[in-house]
Amino acid sequence: MSCYAAMPSSLFLESTDDYPWSSHHAYLGRQITPWLTTDWVLRQFHEERDAARARYLRLLGEPVDEQQYANKAGLTLFVL
């Protein structure tokens, strides 16, 4: 999850808030997206929605280990 949520940082954007195609706003309850189900993902963080959103935000603040994600996916990561 954090790999995808952190994607805007790899696009040289200041914040996830600046990335218009992110579901970030929906997970935080700032935007209603009828076709997007956020409940299942949020429940992975906590049963209560507010606590889940707080943990989700905490996860986004952690550094992303891109090599770890590449290894899990069986990919080779090249750094340019």
N, C-alpha and C. Protein backbone atom coordinates (compact mmCIF):
# COMPACT_ATOMS: atom_id res chain seq x y z
N MET A 1 0.82 -1.19 0.00
CA MET A 1 0.00 0.00 0.00
C MET A 1 0.86 1.26 0.00
N SER A 2 1.85 1.29 0.88
CA SER A 2 2.65 2.51 0.96
C SER A 2 3.43 2.76 -0.32
N CYS A 3 3.75 1.71 -1.03
CA CYS A 3 4.46 1.87 -2.30
C CYS A 3 3.60 2.67 -3.27
N TYR A 4 2.32 2.33 -3.36
CA TYR A 4 1.43 3.03 -4.27
C TYR A 4 1.08 4.41 -3.74
N ALA A 5 0.87 4.51 -2.46
CA ALA A 5 0.52 5.81 -1.88
C ALA A 5 1.67 6.79 -1.99
N ALA A 6 2.89 6.28 -1.97
CA ALA A 6 4.07 7.14 -2.04
C ALA A 6 4.48 7.45 -3.47
N MET A 7 3.77 6.89 -4.43
CA MET A 7 4.13 7.07 -5.83
C MET A 7 4.29 8.54 -6.22
N PRO A 8 3.42 9.45 -5.76
CA PRO A 8 3.62 10.85 -6.14
C PRO A 8 4.98 11.40 -5.75
N SER A 9 5.58 10.89 -4.68
CA SER A 9 6.90 11.40 -4.30
C SER A 9 7.94 11.06 -5.35
N SER A 10 7.72 9.94 -6.05
CA SER A 10 8.67 9.59 -7.10
C SER A 10 8.40 10.40 -8.37
N LEU A 11 7.31 11.13 -8.39
CA LEU A 11 6.99 11.99 -9.53
C LEU A 11 7.35 13.44 -9.27
N PHE A 12 8.14 13.67 -8.22
CA PHE A 12 8.62 14.99 -7.84
C PHE A 12 7.49 15.94 -7.43
N LEU A 13 6.46 15.39 -6.81
CA LEU A 13 5.39 16.22 -6.29
C LEU A 13 5.67 16.51 -4.83
N GLU A 14 5.22 17.64 -4.39
CA GLU A 14 5.44 18.07 -3.01
C GLU A 14 4.72 17.16 -2.02
N SER A 15 3.52 16.73 -2.37
CA SER A 15 2.69 15.98 -1.44
C SER A 15 1.75 15.07 -2.21
N THR A 16 1.24 14.05 -1.53
CA THR A 16 0.23 13.18 -2.12
C THR A 16 -1.01 14.00 -2.46
N ASP A 17 -1.24 15.06 -1.71
CA ASP A 17 -2.39 15.93 -1.97
C ASP A 17 -2.32 16.58 -3.35
N ASP A 18 -1.12 16.72 -3.91
CA ASP A 18 -0.94 17.36 -5.21
C ASP A 18 -1.14 16.40 -6.38
N TYR A 19 -1.37 15.13 -6.10
CA TYR A 19 -1.49 14.11 -7.15
C TYR A 19 -2.97 13.85 -7.39
N PRO A 20 -3.56 14.37 -8.46
CA PRO A 20 -5.01 14.31 -8.65
C PRO A 20 -5.57 12.91 -8.88
N TRP A 21 -4.77 11.94 -9.29
CA TRP A 21 -5.28 10.60 -9.58
C TRP A 21 -5.10 9.64 -8.42
N SER A 22 -4.73 10.15 -7.28
CA SER A 22 -4.53 9.32 -6.10
C SER A 22 -5.86 9.09 -5.38
N SER A 23 -6.00 7.94 -4.75
CA SER A 23 -7.17 7.65 -3.92
C SER A 23 -6.97 8.18 -2.50
N HIS A 24 -5.87 8.85 -2.27
CA HIS A 24 -5.51 9.37 -0.95
C HIS A 24 -6.64 10.18 -0.32
N HIS A 25 -7.26 11.06 -1.07
CA HIS A 25 -8.34 11.89 -0.54
C HIS A 25 -9.54 11.05 -0.11
N ALA A 26 -9.82 10.00 -0.84
CA ALA A 26 -10.94 9.11 -0.49
C ALA A 26 -10.64 8.36 0.80
N TYR A 27 -9.41 7.89 0.96
CA TYR A 27 -9.06 7.16 2.19
C TYR A 27 -9.14 8.06 3.42
N LEU A 28 -8.91 9.34 3.23
CA LEU A 28 -8.98 10.28 4.35
C LEU A 28 -10.38 10.85 4.54
N GLY A 29 -11.32 10.48 3.67
CA GLY A 29 -12.69 10.96 3.78
C GLY A 29 -12.89 12.36 3.26
N ARG A 30 -11.94 12.89 2.54
CA ARG A 30 -12.02 14.25 2.00
C ARG A 30 -12.78 14.30 0.68
N GLN A 31 -12.92 13.14 0.04
CA GLN A 31 -13.55 13.07 -1.28
C GLN A 31 -14.41 11.82 -1.32
N ILE A 32 -15.59 11.93 -1.89
CA ILE A 32 -16.46 10.77 -2.06
C ILE A 32 -16.26 10.24 -3.47
N THR A 33 -15.83 9.01 -3.57
CA THR A 33 -15.63 8.35 -4.85
C THR A 33 -16.50 7.10 -4.84
N PRO A 34 -17.70 7.16 -5.44
CA PRO A 34 -18.67 6.08 -5.32
C PRO A 34 -18.16 4.71 -5.78
N TRP A 35 -17.29 4.68 -6.76
CA TRP A 35 -16.82 3.40 -7.28
C TRP A 35 -15.63 2.83 -6.50
N LEU A 36 -15.11 3.58 -5.55
CA LEU A 36 -13.93 3.14 -4.80
C LEU A 36 -14.35 2.69 -3.40
N THR A 37 -13.99 1.48 -3.05
CA THR A 37 -14.28 0.95 -1.72
C THR A 37 -13.03 1.10 -0.86
N THR A 38 -13.12 1.92 0.17
CA THR A 38 -11.97 2.16 1.03
C THR A 38 -12.06 1.40 2.35
N ASP A 39 -13.25 0.92 2.68
CA ASP A 39 -13.46 0.29 3.99
C ASP A 39 -12.54 -0.90 4.23
N TRP A 40 -12.39 -1.78 3.24
CA TRP A 40 -11.58 -2.98 3.44
C TRP A 40 -10.13 -2.61 3.75
N VAL A 41 -9.58 -1.69 2.99
CA VAL A 41 -8.19 -1.28 3.20
C VAL A 41 -8.04 -0.61 4.56
N LEU A 42 -8.95 0.29 4.89
CA LEU A 42 -8.87 0.98 6.18
C LEU A 42 -8.97 0.00 7.35
N ARG A 43 -9.79 -1.04 7.21
CA ARG A 43 -9.91 -2.04 8.29
C ARG A 43 -8.62 -2.81 8.51
N GLN A 44 -7.73 -2.82 7.56
CA GLN A 44 -6.44 -3.47 7.74
C GLN A 44 -5.58 -2.68 8.73
N PHE A 45 -5.90 -1.42 8.90
CA PHE A 45 -5.17 -0.56 9.83
C PHE A 45 -5.80 -0.56 11.21
N HIS A 46 -7.14 -0.55 11.26
CA HIS A 46 -7.86 -0.53 12.55
C HIS A 46 -9.35 -0.69 12.26
N GLU A 47 -10.09 -1.21 13.24
CA GLU A 47 -11.54 -1.39 13.07
C GLU A 47 -12.29 -0.06 13.05
N GLU A 48 -11.81 0.92 13.82
CA GLU A 48 -12.46 2.23 13.85
C GLU A 48 -11.88 3.12 12.76
N ARG A 49 -12.77 3.75 12.02
CA ARG A 49 -12.35 4.50 10.84
C ARG A 49 -11.35 5.62 11.15
N ASP A 50 -11.61 6.41 12.20
CA ASP A 50 -10.69 7.51 12.53
C ASP A 50 -9.31 7.00 12.91
N ALA A 51 -9.26 5.92 13.69
CA ALA A 51 -7.98 5.33 14.08
C ALA A 51 -7.28 4.74 12.85
N ALA A 52 -8.06 4.15 11.95
CA ALA A 52 -7.49 3.58 10.73
C ALA A 52 -6.87 4.67 9.87
N ARG A 53 -7.56 5.78 9.75
CA ARG A 53 -7.02 6.89 8.95
C ARG A 53 -5.75 7.45 9.57
N ALA A 54 -5.70 7.52 10.89
CA ALA A 54 -4.49 8.00 11.57
C ALA A 54 -3.32 7.06 11.30
N ARG A 55 -3.57 5.76 11.36
CA ARG A 55 -2.49 4.79 11.09
C ARG A 55 -2.08 4.82 9.62
N TYR A 56 -3.04 5.02 8.74
CA TYR A 56 -2.74 5.15 7.31
C TYR A 56 -1.80 6.33 7.07
N LEU A 57 -2.12 7.47 7.69
CA LEU A 57 -1.26 8.65 7.55
C LEU A 57 0.12 8.41 8.14
N ARG A 58 0.19 7.69 9.24
CA ARG A 58 1.48 7.38 9.86
C ARG A 58 2.31 6.52 8.90
N LEU A 59 1.66 5.55 8.25
CA LEU A 59 2.36 4.70 7.29
C LEU A 59 2.92 5.52 6.14
N LEU A 60 2.16 6.50 5.67
CA LEU A 60 2.64 7.33 4.56
C LEU A 60 3.85 8.16 4.95
N GLY A 61 4.00 8.43 6.23
CA GLY A 61 5.14 9.22 6.70
C GLY A 61 6.41 8.41 6.81
N GLU A 62 6.29 7.07 6.73
CA GLU A 62 7.47 6.22 6.84
C GLU A 62 8.18 6.15 5.50
N PRO A 63 9.50 6.03 5.51
CA PRO A 63 10.24 5.91 4.25
C PRO A 63 9.88 4.61 3.53
N VAL A 64 9.86 4.66 2.22
CA VAL A 64 9.53 3.50 1.41
C VAL A 64 10.82 2.82 0.98
N ASP A 65 10.92 1.53 1.24
CA ASP A 65 12.07 0.75 0.81
C ASP A 65 11.74 0.15 -0.56
N GLU A 66 12.11 0.88 -1.62
CA GLU A 66 11.75 0.45 -2.97
C GLU A 66 12.36 -0.89 -3.33
N GLN A 67 13.55 -1.16 -2.81
CA GLN A 67 14.19 -2.45 -3.09
C GLN A 67 13.38 -3.59 -2.50
N GLN A 68 12.81 -3.38 -1.32
CA GLN A 68 11.99 -4.39 -0.67
C GLN A 68 10.78 -4.73 -1.55
N TYR A 69 10.12 -3.72 -2.10
CA TYR A 69 8.97 -3.96 -2.96
C TYR A 69 9.38 -4.66 -4.25
N ALA A 70 10.50 -4.27 -4.80
CA ALA A 70 10.99 -4.92 -6.01
C ALA A 70 11.29 -6.39 -5.75
N ASN A 71 11.93 -6.69 -4.62
CA ASN A 71 12.24 -8.07 -4.29
C ASN A 71 10.97 -8.90 -4.13
N LYS A 72 9.96 -8.35 -3.46
CA LYS A 72 8.70 -9.07 -3.26
C LYS A 72 8.02 -9.36 -4.59
N ALA A 73 8.15 -8.45 -5.53
CA ALA A 73 7.51 -8.61 -6.82
C ALA A 73 8.38 -9.41 -7.79
N GLY A 74 9.57 -9.78 -7.37
CA GLY A 74 10.47 -10.52 -8.25
C GLY A 74 11.06 -9.66 -9.35
N LEU A 75 11.22 -8.38 -9.07
CA LEU A 75 11.74 -7.44 -10.06
C LEU A 75 13.16 -7.03 -9.72
N THR A 76 13.85 -6.52 -10.70
CA THR A 76 15.17 -5.96 -10.49
C THR A 76 15.02 -4.45 -10.51
N LEU A 77 15.53 -3.81 -9.49
CA LEU A 77 15.42 -2.35 -9.38
C LEU A 77 16.71 -1.72 -9.86
N PHE A 78 16.61 -0.86 -10.85
CA PHE A 78 17.76 -0.13 -11.35
C PHE A 78 17.66 1.32 -10.89
N VAL A 79 18.70 1.83 -10.30
CA VAL A 79 18.72 3.22 -9.86
C VAL A 79 19.53 4.01 -10.87
N LEU A 80 18.92 5.05 -11.40
CA LEU A 80 19.60 5.87 -12.41
C LEU A 80 20.18 7.10 -11.79
